[in-house]
N, C-alpha and C. Protein backbone atom coordinates (compact mmCIF):
# COMPACT_ATOMS: atom_id res chain seq x y z
N MET A 1 -1.85 36.16 14.33
CA MET A 1 -0.54 35.64 14.66
C MET A 1 0.38 35.80 13.46
N ALA A 2 1.60 36.22 13.69
CA ALA A 2 2.57 36.42 12.62
C ALA A 2 3.02 35.06 12.08
N PRO A 3 3.30 34.99 10.77
CA PRO A 3 3.75 33.73 10.19
C PRO A 3 5.12 33.32 10.75
N PHE A 4 5.37 32.03 10.74
CA PHE A 4 6.65 31.53 11.24
C PHE A 4 7.11 30.39 10.35
N ASN A 5 8.40 30.10 10.43
CA ASN A 5 9.01 28.97 9.73
C ASN A 5 9.71 28.12 10.77
N ILE A 6 9.44 26.83 10.73
CA ILE A 6 10.07 25.89 11.65
C ILE A 6 10.78 24.82 10.83
N ASP A 7 12.02 24.54 11.19
CA ASP A 7 12.80 23.47 10.59
C ASP A 7 13.05 22.40 11.65
N LEU A 8 12.45 21.25 11.51
CA LEU A 8 12.78 20.12 12.37
C LEU A 8 13.82 19.31 11.61
N ASN A 9 15.09 19.57 11.93
CA ASN A 9 16.18 18.98 11.17
C ASN A 9 17.27 18.46 12.11
N PRO A 10 17.28 17.14 12.27
CA PRO A 10 16.41 16.11 11.71
C PRO A 10 15.26 15.80 12.66
N VAL A 11 14.24 15.13 12.11
CA VAL A 11 13.18 14.65 12.99
C VAL A 11 13.67 13.36 13.63
N THR A 12 13.27 13.15 14.86
CA THR A 12 13.54 11.87 15.50
C THR A 12 12.36 10.93 15.29
N PHE A 13 11.20 11.53 14.92
CA PHE A 13 10.01 10.74 14.67
C PHE A 13 9.02 11.58 13.87
N ILE A 14 8.27 10.91 12.98
CA ILE A 14 7.22 11.58 12.22
C ILE A 14 6.07 10.59 12.02
N THR A 15 4.85 11.10 12.13
CA THR A 15 3.69 10.24 11.98
C THR A 15 2.48 11.03 11.51
N VAL A 16 1.48 10.30 11.09
CA VAL A 16 0.13 10.82 10.87
C VAL A 16 -0.78 9.94 11.72
N ASP A 17 -1.86 10.51 12.19
CA ASP A 17 -2.80 9.72 12.98
C ASP A 17 -4.15 10.42 12.98
N ALA A 18 -5.15 9.75 13.49
CA ALA A 18 -6.51 10.30 13.51
C ALA A 18 -7.13 10.02 14.87
N ILE A 19 -8.00 10.93 15.27
CA ILE A 19 -8.74 10.77 16.52
C ILE A 19 -10.23 10.90 16.19
N GLY A 20 -11.03 10.00 16.72
CA GLY A 20 -12.47 10.03 16.51
C GLY A 20 -12.96 8.79 15.79
N GLN A 21 -14.27 8.73 15.60
CA GLN A 21 -14.91 7.61 14.92
C GLN A 21 -14.86 7.81 13.41
N PRO A 22 -14.82 6.71 12.63
CA PRO A 22 -14.85 6.85 11.17
C PRO A 22 -16.00 7.75 10.74
N GLY A 23 -15.70 8.64 9.84
CA GLY A 23 -16.68 9.61 9.36
C GLY A 23 -16.63 10.91 10.14
N GLU A 24 -16.00 10.88 11.33
CA GLU A 24 -15.89 12.07 12.17
C GLU A 24 -14.45 12.26 12.67
N ARG A 25 -13.51 11.58 12.03
CA ARG A 25 -12.13 11.64 12.51
C ARG A 25 -11.48 12.98 12.18
N VAL A 26 -10.56 13.36 13.04
CA VAL A 26 -9.71 14.53 12.82
C VAL A 26 -8.30 13.97 12.60
N PHE A 27 -7.66 14.40 11.52
CA PHE A 27 -6.35 13.87 11.14
C PHE A 27 -5.25 14.87 11.48
N TYR A 28 -4.12 14.31 11.90
CA TYR A 28 -2.98 15.11 12.32
C TYR A 28 -1.70 14.61 11.65
N LEU A 29 -0.78 15.53 11.46
CA LEU A 29 0.60 15.25 11.06
C LEU A 29 1.45 15.75 12.21
N GLN A 30 2.35 14.90 12.69
CA GLN A 30 3.17 15.30 13.84
C GLN A 30 4.62 14.87 13.63
N GLY A 31 5.53 15.78 13.92
CA GLY A 31 6.95 15.48 13.87
C GLY A 31 7.61 15.89 15.17
N ARG A 32 8.67 15.19 15.50
CA ARG A 32 9.37 15.46 16.74
C ARG A 32 10.87 15.51 16.44
N SER A 33 11.52 16.51 17.02
CA SER A 33 12.98 16.56 17.01
C SER A 33 13.41 16.39 18.46
N HIS A 34 14.67 16.57 18.73
CA HIS A 34 15.16 16.35 20.10
C HIS A 34 14.49 17.27 21.11
N ASP A 35 14.16 18.50 20.70
CA ASP A 35 13.65 19.47 21.68
C ASP A 35 12.29 20.07 21.33
N GLN A 36 11.63 19.54 20.28
CA GLN A 36 10.39 20.18 19.85
C GLN A 36 9.44 19.15 19.23
N VAL A 37 8.14 19.33 19.51
CA VAL A 37 7.08 18.54 18.88
C VAL A 37 6.19 19.51 18.12
N VAL A 38 5.94 19.22 16.84
CA VAL A 38 5.07 20.06 16.02
C VAL A 38 3.90 19.21 15.55
N THR A 39 2.69 19.70 15.80
CA THR A 39 1.47 19.02 15.38
C THR A 39 0.68 19.94 14.46
N LEU A 40 0.21 19.38 13.34
CA LEU A 40 -0.55 20.14 12.36
C LEU A 40 -1.83 19.38 12.01
N LEU A 41 -2.88 20.11 11.64
CA LEU A 41 -4.12 19.50 11.17
C LEU A 41 -4.01 19.23 9.68
N VAL A 42 -4.41 18.04 9.26
CA VAL A 42 -4.43 17.69 7.85
C VAL A 42 -5.76 17.02 7.52
N GLU A 43 -6.01 16.85 6.26
CA GLU A 43 -7.21 16.16 5.80
C GLU A 43 -6.84 14.74 5.38
N LYS A 44 -7.81 13.85 5.43
CA LYS A 44 -7.58 12.46 5.04
C LYS A 44 -7.04 12.36 3.62
N TYR A 45 -7.62 13.13 2.69
CA TYR A 45 -7.15 13.05 1.31
C TYR A 45 -5.70 13.52 1.19
N GLN A 46 -5.26 14.44 2.06
CA GLN A 46 -3.87 14.89 2.02
C GLN A 46 -2.94 13.76 2.43
N ILE A 47 -3.35 12.98 3.42
CA ILE A 47 -2.55 11.83 3.85
C ILE A 47 -2.46 10.81 2.73
N GLN A 48 -3.58 10.55 2.07
CA GLN A 48 -3.60 9.58 0.97
C GLN A 48 -2.73 10.05 -0.19
N THR A 49 -2.84 11.31 -0.56
CA THR A 49 -2.06 11.86 -1.65
C THR A 49 -0.57 11.87 -1.31
N LEU A 50 -0.25 12.23 -0.07
CA LEU A 50 1.14 12.24 0.37
C LEU A 50 1.73 10.83 0.33
N ALA A 51 0.97 9.85 0.79
CA ALA A 51 1.45 8.46 0.79
C ALA A 51 1.79 8.01 -0.63
N LEU A 52 0.93 8.34 -1.58
CA LEU A 52 1.19 7.98 -2.97
C LEU A 52 2.43 8.70 -3.50
N ALA A 53 2.57 9.97 -3.17
CA ALA A 53 3.75 10.74 -3.62
C ALA A 53 5.03 10.16 -3.03
N ILE A 54 4.98 9.73 -1.78
CA ILE A 54 6.16 9.13 -1.14
C ILE A 54 6.53 7.84 -1.86
N GLU A 55 5.54 7.00 -2.14
CA GLU A 55 5.80 5.73 -2.85
C GLU A 55 6.47 6.02 -4.20
N ASN A 56 5.92 6.98 -4.94
CA ASN A 56 6.48 7.32 -6.25
C ASN A 56 7.90 7.87 -6.13
N LEU A 57 8.13 8.73 -5.14
CA LEU A 57 9.46 9.31 -4.95
C LEU A 57 10.47 8.23 -4.57
N MET A 58 10.08 7.31 -3.73
CA MET A 58 11.00 6.25 -3.32
C MET A 58 11.41 5.39 -4.52
N MET A 59 10.47 5.07 -5.39
CA MET A 59 10.80 4.28 -6.59
C MET A 59 11.69 5.09 -7.53
N GLU A 60 11.39 6.37 -7.69
CA GLU A 60 12.18 7.23 -8.56
C GLU A 60 13.62 7.35 -8.06
N LEU A 61 13.80 7.51 -6.75
CA LEU A 61 15.15 7.62 -6.20
C LEU A 61 15.94 6.33 -6.42
N GLN A 62 15.29 5.18 -6.21
CA GLN A 62 15.98 3.89 -6.42
C GLN A 62 16.41 3.73 -7.87
N GLU A 63 15.57 4.19 -8.81
CA GLU A 63 15.89 4.07 -10.23
C GLU A 63 17.00 5.02 -10.67
N LYS A 64 17.01 6.24 -10.13
CA LYS A 64 17.91 7.27 -10.63
C LYS A 64 19.25 7.37 -9.92
N ILE A 65 19.32 6.88 -8.68
CA ILE A 65 20.56 7.04 -7.92
C ILE A 65 21.19 5.67 -7.69
N ALA A 66 22.28 5.42 -8.42
CA ALA A 66 22.98 4.14 -8.30
C ALA A 66 23.63 4.03 -6.93
N GLY A 67 23.55 2.85 -6.35
CA GLY A 67 24.21 2.59 -5.08
C GLY A 67 23.52 3.20 -3.86
N LEU A 68 22.29 3.63 -4.01
CA LEU A 68 21.55 4.20 -2.88
C LEU A 68 21.26 3.11 -1.86
N SER A 69 21.54 3.39 -0.60
CA SER A 69 21.31 2.39 0.44
C SER A 69 19.83 2.05 0.53
N GLU A 70 19.56 0.86 1.04
CA GLU A 70 18.18 0.40 1.17
C GLU A 70 17.45 1.21 2.23
N ALA A 71 16.18 1.46 1.98
CA ALA A 71 15.30 2.10 2.96
C ALA A 71 14.16 1.11 3.23
N SER A 72 13.55 1.24 4.38
CA SER A 72 12.49 0.31 4.76
C SER A 72 11.19 1.05 5.07
N PRO A 73 10.07 0.55 4.56
CA PRO A 73 8.77 1.15 4.88
C PRO A 73 8.13 0.53 6.13
N SER A 74 8.86 -0.28 6.86
CA SER A 74 8.31 -0.98 8.03
C SER A 74 8.02 -0.01 9.16
N TYR A 75 6.93 -0.28 9.86
CA TYR A 75 6.55 0.52 11.02
C TYR A 75 5.88 -0.38 12.05
N ASP A 76 5.88 0.07 13.27
CA ASP A 76 5.16 -0.59 14.35
C ASP A 76 3.96 0.30 14.67
N GLU A 77 2.77 -0.21 14.45
CA GLU A 77 1.56 0.59 14.65
C GLU A 77 1.49 1.19 16.04
N ASN A 78 1.94 0.48 17.04
CA ASN A 78 1.91 0.98 18.42
C ASN A 78 2.82 2.18 18.63
N GLU A 79 3.80 2.35 17.75
CA GLU A 79 4.71 3.48 17.87
C GLU A 79 4.31 4.67 16.99
N MET A 80 3.23 4.51 16.21
CA MET A 80 2.82 5.57 15.29
C MET A 80 1.77 6.49 15.91
N ILE A 81 1.55 6.40 17.20
CA ILE A 81 0.54 7.23 17.86
C ILE A 81 1.08 8.63 18.12
N LEU A 82 0.16 9.55 18.26
CA LEU A 82 0.51 10.96 18.49
C LEU A 82 1.00 11.18 19.91
N ASP A 83 1.89 12.15 20.05
CA ASP A 83 2.35 12.60 21.37
C ASP A 83 1.48 13.75 21.84
N PRO A 84 0.97 13.68 23.06
CA PRO A 84 0.26 14.85 23.58
C PRO A 84 1.26 15.95 23.91
N PRO A 85 0.87 17.19 23.95
CA PRO A 85 -0.49 17.69 23.74
C PRO A 85 -0.78 17.84 22.26
N LEU A 86 -2.05 17.69 21.91
CA LEU A 86 -2.47 17.86 20.52
C LEU A 86 -2.98 19.27 20.33
N ASP A 87 -2.05 20.17 20.22
CA ASP A 87 -2.35 21.58 20.06
C ASP A 87 -1.79 22.01 18.70
N PRO A 88 -2.56 21.78 17.60
CA PRO A 88 -2.01 22.03 16.27
C PRO A 88 -1.66 23.50 16.04
N LEU A 89 -0.53 23.70 15.36
CA LEU A 89 -0.08 25.05 15.05
C LEU A 89 -0.94 25.69 13.97
N PHE A 90 -1.35 24.90 12.97
CA PHE A 90 -2.19 25.41 11.89
C PHE A 90 -2.75 24.25 11.09
N ARG A 91 -3.72 24.57 10.22
CA ARG A 91 -4.28 23.61 9.27
C ARG A 91 -3.44 23.67 8.00
N VAL A 92 -3.05 22.51 7.51
CA VAL A 92 -2.19 22.43 6.33
C VAL A 92 -3.00 22.66 5.06
N GLY A 93 -2.49 23.56 4.23
CA GLY A 93 -3.10 23.81 2.93
C GLY A 93 -2.40 23.06 1.82
N GLU A 94 -1.07 22.93 1.94
CA GLU A 94 -0.29 22.30 0.89
C GLU A 94 0.87 21.53 1.49
N LEU A 95 1.10 20.34 0.95
CA LEU A 95 2.24 19.51 1.34
C LEU A 95 3.12 19.30 0.11
N SER A 96 4.41 19.34 0.29
CA SER A 96 5.32 19.04 -0.81
C SER A 96 6.52 18.27 -0.28
N LEU A 97 7.17 17.57 -1.20
CA LEU A 97 8.32 16.73 -0.86
C LEU A 97 9.56 17.20 -1.61
N GLY A 98 10.71 16.98 -1.00
CA GLY A 98 11.97 17.27 -1.66
C GLY A 98 13.02 16.27 -1.21
N TYR A 99 14.12 16.22 -1.93
CA TYR A 99 15.21 15.30 -1.59
C TYR A 99 16.52 16.06 -1.62
N GLN A 100 17.34 15.86 -0.60
CA GLN A 100 18.66 16.48 -0.52
C GLN A 100 19.69 15.35 -0.62
N PRO A 101 20.29 15.17 -1.79
CA PRO A 101 21.22 14.04 -1.97
C PRO A 101 22.49 14.14 -1.13
N ASP A 102 22.93 15.35 -0.78
CA ASP A 102 24.17 15.50 -0.01
C ASP A 102 24.14 14.74 1.30
N ASP A 103 23.00 14.76 1.99
CA ASP A 103 22.90 14.03 3.25
C ASP A 103 21.80 12.96 3.22
N ASP A 104 21.33 12.64 2.00
CA ASP A 104 20.33 11.59 1.81
C ASP A 104 19.13 11.78 2.72
N LYS A 105 18.58 13.00 2.71
CA LYS A 105 17.41 13.33 3.52
C LYS A 105 16.26 13.75 2.63
N LEU A 106 15.07 13.38 3.05
CA LEU A 106 13.85 13.86 2.43
C LEU A 106 13.30 14.99 3.29
N VAL A 107 12.66 15.94 2.65
CA VAL A 107 12.01 17.01 3.40
C VAL A 107 10.54 17.02 3.03
N LEU A 108 9.71 17.05 4.05
CA LEU A 108 8.27 17.21 3.89
C LEU A 108 7.96 18.64 4.32
N ILE A 109 7.43 19.42 3.39
CA ILE A 109 7.15 20.83 3.66
C ILE A 109 5.63 21.00 3.79
N ALA A 110 5.21 21.53 4.93
CA ALA A 110 3.79 21.77 5.19
C ALA A 110 3.55 23.27 5.27
N ASN A 111 2.69 23.77 4.39
CA ASN A 111 2.33 25.19 4.37
C ASN A 111 0.93 25.37 4.91
N GLU A 112 0.76 26.44 5.63
CA GLU A 112 -0.53 26.78 6.22
C GLU A 112 -1.57 27.05 5.13
N VAL A 113 -2.81 26.70 5.40
CA VAL A 113 -3.89 27.00 4.47
C VAL A 113 -4.15 28.51 4.49
N PRO A 114 -4.26 29.13 3.31
CA PRO A 114 -4.53 30.57 3.29
C PRO A 114 -5.92 30.88 3.86
N THR A 115 -6.05 32.04 4.45
CA THR A 115 -7.34 32.48 4.99
C THR A 115 -7.76 33.76 4.28
N MET A 116 -8.92 34.26 4.62
CA MET A 116 -9.40 35.52 4.04
C MET A 116 -8.46 36.68 4.38
N MET A 117 -7.75 36.56 5.49
CA MET A 117 -6.86 37.63 5.95
C MET A 117 -5.49 37.58 5.26
N THR A 118 -5.17 36.46 4.60
CA THR A 118 -3.86 36.30 3.97
C THR A 118 -3.81 37.06 2.66
N GLU A 119 -2.84 37.94 2.54
CA GLU A 119 -2.70 38.73 1.32
C GLU A 119 -1.67 38.15 0.37
N SER A 120 -0.66 37.45 0.91
CA SER A 120 0.36 36.85 0.05
C SER A 120 0.88 35.58 0.71
N GLU A 121 1.59 34.77 -0.10
CA GLU A 121 2.15 33.52 0.42
C GLU A 121 3.22 33.78 1.48
N ASP A 122 3.80 34.97 1.48
CA ASP A 122 4.80 35.32 2.49
C ASP A 122 4.21 35.40 3.88
N GLU A 123 2.90 35.48 3.97
CA GLU A 123 2.23 35.59 5.27
C GLU A 123 1.80 34.23 5.82
N LEU A 124 2.15 33.14 5.12
CA LEU A 124 1.77 31.80 5.56
C LEU A 124 2.90 31.15 6.34
N SER A 125 2.53 30.44 7.39
CA SER A 125 3.51 29.70 8.17
C SER A 125 3.90 28.43 7.43
N GLU A 126 5.10 27.94 7.75
CA GLU A 126 5.63 26.75 7.08
C GLU A 126 6.42 25.93 8.08
N VAL A 127 6.28 24.60 7.98
CA VAL A 127 7.09 23.68 8.78
C VAL A 127 7.77 22.72 7.82
N ARG A 128 9.07 22.52 8.01
CA ARG A 128 9.85 21.58 7.22
C ARG A 128 10.32 20.45 8.13
N PHE A 129 9.92 19.22 7.75
CA PHE A 129 10.29 18.02 8.49
C PHE A 129 11.38 17.31 7.69
N TRP A 130 12.62 17.29 8.19
CA TRP A 130 13.74 16.63 7.53
C TRP A 130 13.85 15.21 8.05
N CYS A 131 13.67 14.22 7.15
CA CYS A 131 13.52 12.82 7.54
C CYS A 131 14.48 11.93 6.77
N THR A 132 14.74 10.77 7.35
CA THR A 132 15.40 9.73 6.57
C THR A 132 14.37 9.16 5.60
N ARG A 133 14.85 8.48 4.58
CA ARG A 133 13.92 7.87 3.63
C ARG A 133 13.05 6.83 4.34
N SER A 134 13.62 6.07 5.26
CA SER A 134 12.85 5.06 5.98
C SER A 134 11.77 5.68 6.86
N GLN A 135 12.08 6.78 7.54
CA GLN A 135 11.08 7.44 8.39
C GLN A 135 9.87 7.89 7.58
N LEU A 136 10.13 8.56 6.47
CA LEU A 136 9.02 9.09 5.68
C LEU A 136 8.26 7.98 4.96
N TRP A 137 8.96 6.97 4.50
CA TRP A 137 8.32 5.85 3.82
C TRP A 137 7.41 5.09 4.79
N ALA A 138 7.90 4.87 6.01
CA ALA A 138 7.08 4.20 7.03
C ALA A 138 5.84 5.04 7.35
N MET A 139 6.00 6.35 7.47
CA MET A 139 4.86 7.22 7.74
C MET A 139 3.84 7.12 6.60
N GLY A 140 4.31 7.08 5.36
CA GLY A 140 3.42 6.95 4.21
C GLY A 140 2.65 5.64 4.23
N ARG A 141 3.34 4.55 4.53
CA ARG A 141 2.67 3.25 4.59
C ARG A 141 1.64 3.22 5.72
N TRP A 142 2.00 3.80 6.87
CA TRP A 142 1.05 3.88 7.97
C TRP A 142 -0.15 4.74 7.56
N GLY A 143 0.10 5.82 6.83
CA GLY A 143 -0.99 6.68 6.37
C GLY A 143 -1.97 5.94 5.48
N ILE A 144 -1.47 5.05 4.63
CA ILE A 144 -2.35 4.24 3.78
C ILE A 144 -3.23 3.35 4.64
N GLU A 145 -2.64 2.71 5.62
CA GLU A 145 -3.40 1.85 6.54
C GLU A 145 -4.42 2.65 7.33
N LEU A 146 -4.01 3.78 7.85
CA LEU A 146 -4.88 4.63 8.64
C LEU A 146 -6.09 5.09 7.83
N ALA A 147 -5.87 5.55 6.62
CA ALA A 147 -6.96 6.02 5.77
C ALA A 147 -7.93 4.91 5.43
N SER A 148 -7.44 3.69 5.30
CA SER A 148 -8.30 2.57 4.94
C SER A 148 -9.24 2.15 6.07
N ARG A 149 -9.01 2.65 7.25
CA ARG A 149 -9.82 2.29 8.41
C ARG A 149 -11.06 3.17 8.57
N GLY A 150 -11.42 3.88 7.56
CA GLY A 150 -12.58 4.76 7.62
C GLY A 150 -13.88 4.00 7.45
N ARG A 151 -14.91 4.73 7.06
CA ARG A 151 -16.22 4.13 6.84
C ARG A 151 -16.15 3.11 5.71
N PRO A 152 -17.01 2.08 5.74
CA PRO A 152 -17.06 1.15 4.61
C PRO A 152 -17.51 1.89 3.34
N VAL A 153 -17.08 1.39 2.19
CA VAL A 153 -17.40 2.06 0.92
C VAL A 153 -18.16 1.11 0.00
N TRP A 154 -18.90 1.71 -0.96
CA TRP A 154 -19.57 0.93 -1.99
C TRP A 154 -18.51 0.41 -2.94
N PRO A 155 -18.49 -0.90 -3.22
CA PRO A 155 -17.49 -1.47 -4.12
C PRO A 155 -17.54 -0.86 -5.53
N SER A 156 -18.73 -0.48 -5.98
CA SER A 156 -18.88 0.02 -7.35
C SER A 156 -18.36 1.43 -7.53
N THR A 157 -18.44 2.27 -6.48
CA THR A 157 -18.05 3.67 -6.65
C THR A 157 -16.94 4.12 -5.72
N GLY A 158 -16.72 3.40 -4.64
CA GLY A 158 -15.72 3.81 -3.66
C GLY A 158 -16.22 4.90 -2.73
N GLU A 159 -17.50 5.28 -2.85
CA GLU A 159 -18.08 6.30 -1.97
C GLU A 159 -18.47 5.68 -0.64
N PRO A 160 -18.40 6.46 0.44
CA PRO A 160 -18.76 5.91 1.75
C PRO A 160 -20.22 5.46 1.82
N ILE A 161 -20.43 4.36 2.52
CA ILE A 161 -21.78 3.89 2.80
C ILE A 161 -22.25 4.66 4.03
N LEU A 162 -23.34 5.35 3.89
CA LEU A 162 -23.86 6.17 4.99
C LEU A 162 -24.72 5.33 5.92
N PRO A 163 -24.82 5.74 7.17
CA PRO A 163 -25.66 5.01 8.12
C PRO A 163 -27.12 5.01 7.68
N PRO A 164 -27.91 4.01 8.12
CA PRO A 164 -29.33 3.99 7.78
C PRO A 164 -30.01 5.30 8.20
N GLY A 165 -30.90 5.77 7.33
CA GLY A 165 -31.62 7.00 7.63
C GLY A 165 -31.01 8.23 6.99
N GLU A 166 -29.75 8.16 6.56
CA GLU A 166 -29.12 9.30 5.90
C GLU A 166 -29.24 9.13 4.40
N PHE A 167 -29.37 10.26 3.67
CA PHE A 167 -29.51 10.19 2.22
C PHE A 167 -28.24 9.65 1.60
N SER A 168 -28.42 8.74 0.66
CA SER A 168 -27.32 8.22 -0.11
C SER A 168 -27.82 7.98 -1.53
N PRO A 169 -27.04 8.32 -2.55
CA PRO A 169 -27.48 8.06 -3.92
C PRO A 169 -27.81 6.58 -4.14
N LYS A 170 -27.15 5.70 -3.41
CA LYS A 170 -27.39 4.27 -3.56
C LYS A 170 -28.78 3.89 -3.06
N ASN A 171 -29.39 4.71 -2.23
CA ASN A 171 -30.73 4.44 -1.71
C ASN A 171 -31.80 4.99 -2.65
N ASN A 172 -31.42 5.60 -3.76
CA ASN A 172 -32.36 6.23 -4.69
C ASN A 172 -33.30 7.19 -4.00
N GLY A 173 -32.78 7.89 -2.98
CA GLY A 173 -33.59 8.87 -2.29
C GLY A 173 -34.49 8.29 -1.23
N HIS A 174 -34.47 6.97 -1.07
CA HIS A 174 -35.32 6.34 -0.05
C HIS A 174 -34.52 6.13 1.22
N LYS A 175 -35.16 6.33 2.34
CA LYS A 175 -34.52 6.05 3.61
C LYS A 175 -34.51 4.54 3.83
N THR A 176 -33.40 4.07 4.37
CA THR A 176 -33.34 2.65 4.71
C THR A 176 -33.76 2.48 6.14
N THR A 177 -34.26 1.32 6.46
CA THR A 177 -34.66 1.05 7.84
C THR A 177 -33.67 0.11 8.46
N PRO A 178 -33.40 0.30 9.74
CA PRO A 178 -32.41 -0.56 10.40
C PRO A 178 -32.88 -1.99 10.54
């Protein structure tokens, strides 16, 4: 498939969400404009990293731009669900953020993950989601909550606790019994 560029400008809605059981979830990034819905595959760590970057960017903008209107990270969990159909355009390799002060918009840029067939970055598809600060901040906060709903972790290392019978360094190589 030939590479493409999509600009959702502006988005009417943007979210991240996951489908499946903890440890087996598939994560998605989805944006909607008036006439188009774009769904992309992402990894949990990408959502976590993006959420942190959004938090940092929001604080930086408040510090550097005098008189910037207030933005809100509030979201309604019931409204953060994905719109069907879940037919992702591509798997995301890289996410980046930008700010356009002229219209006070943030842009989330999602680039396709390179494959063995990709010879240059010009052959990668890209989607740009143009959002209000509140839309993207709410998505970031929801992403933090969503990621925290995974498997339980060991307090000492933060590594996932595996089900009984599966190898875990915490078991010292011994199988646990239910």
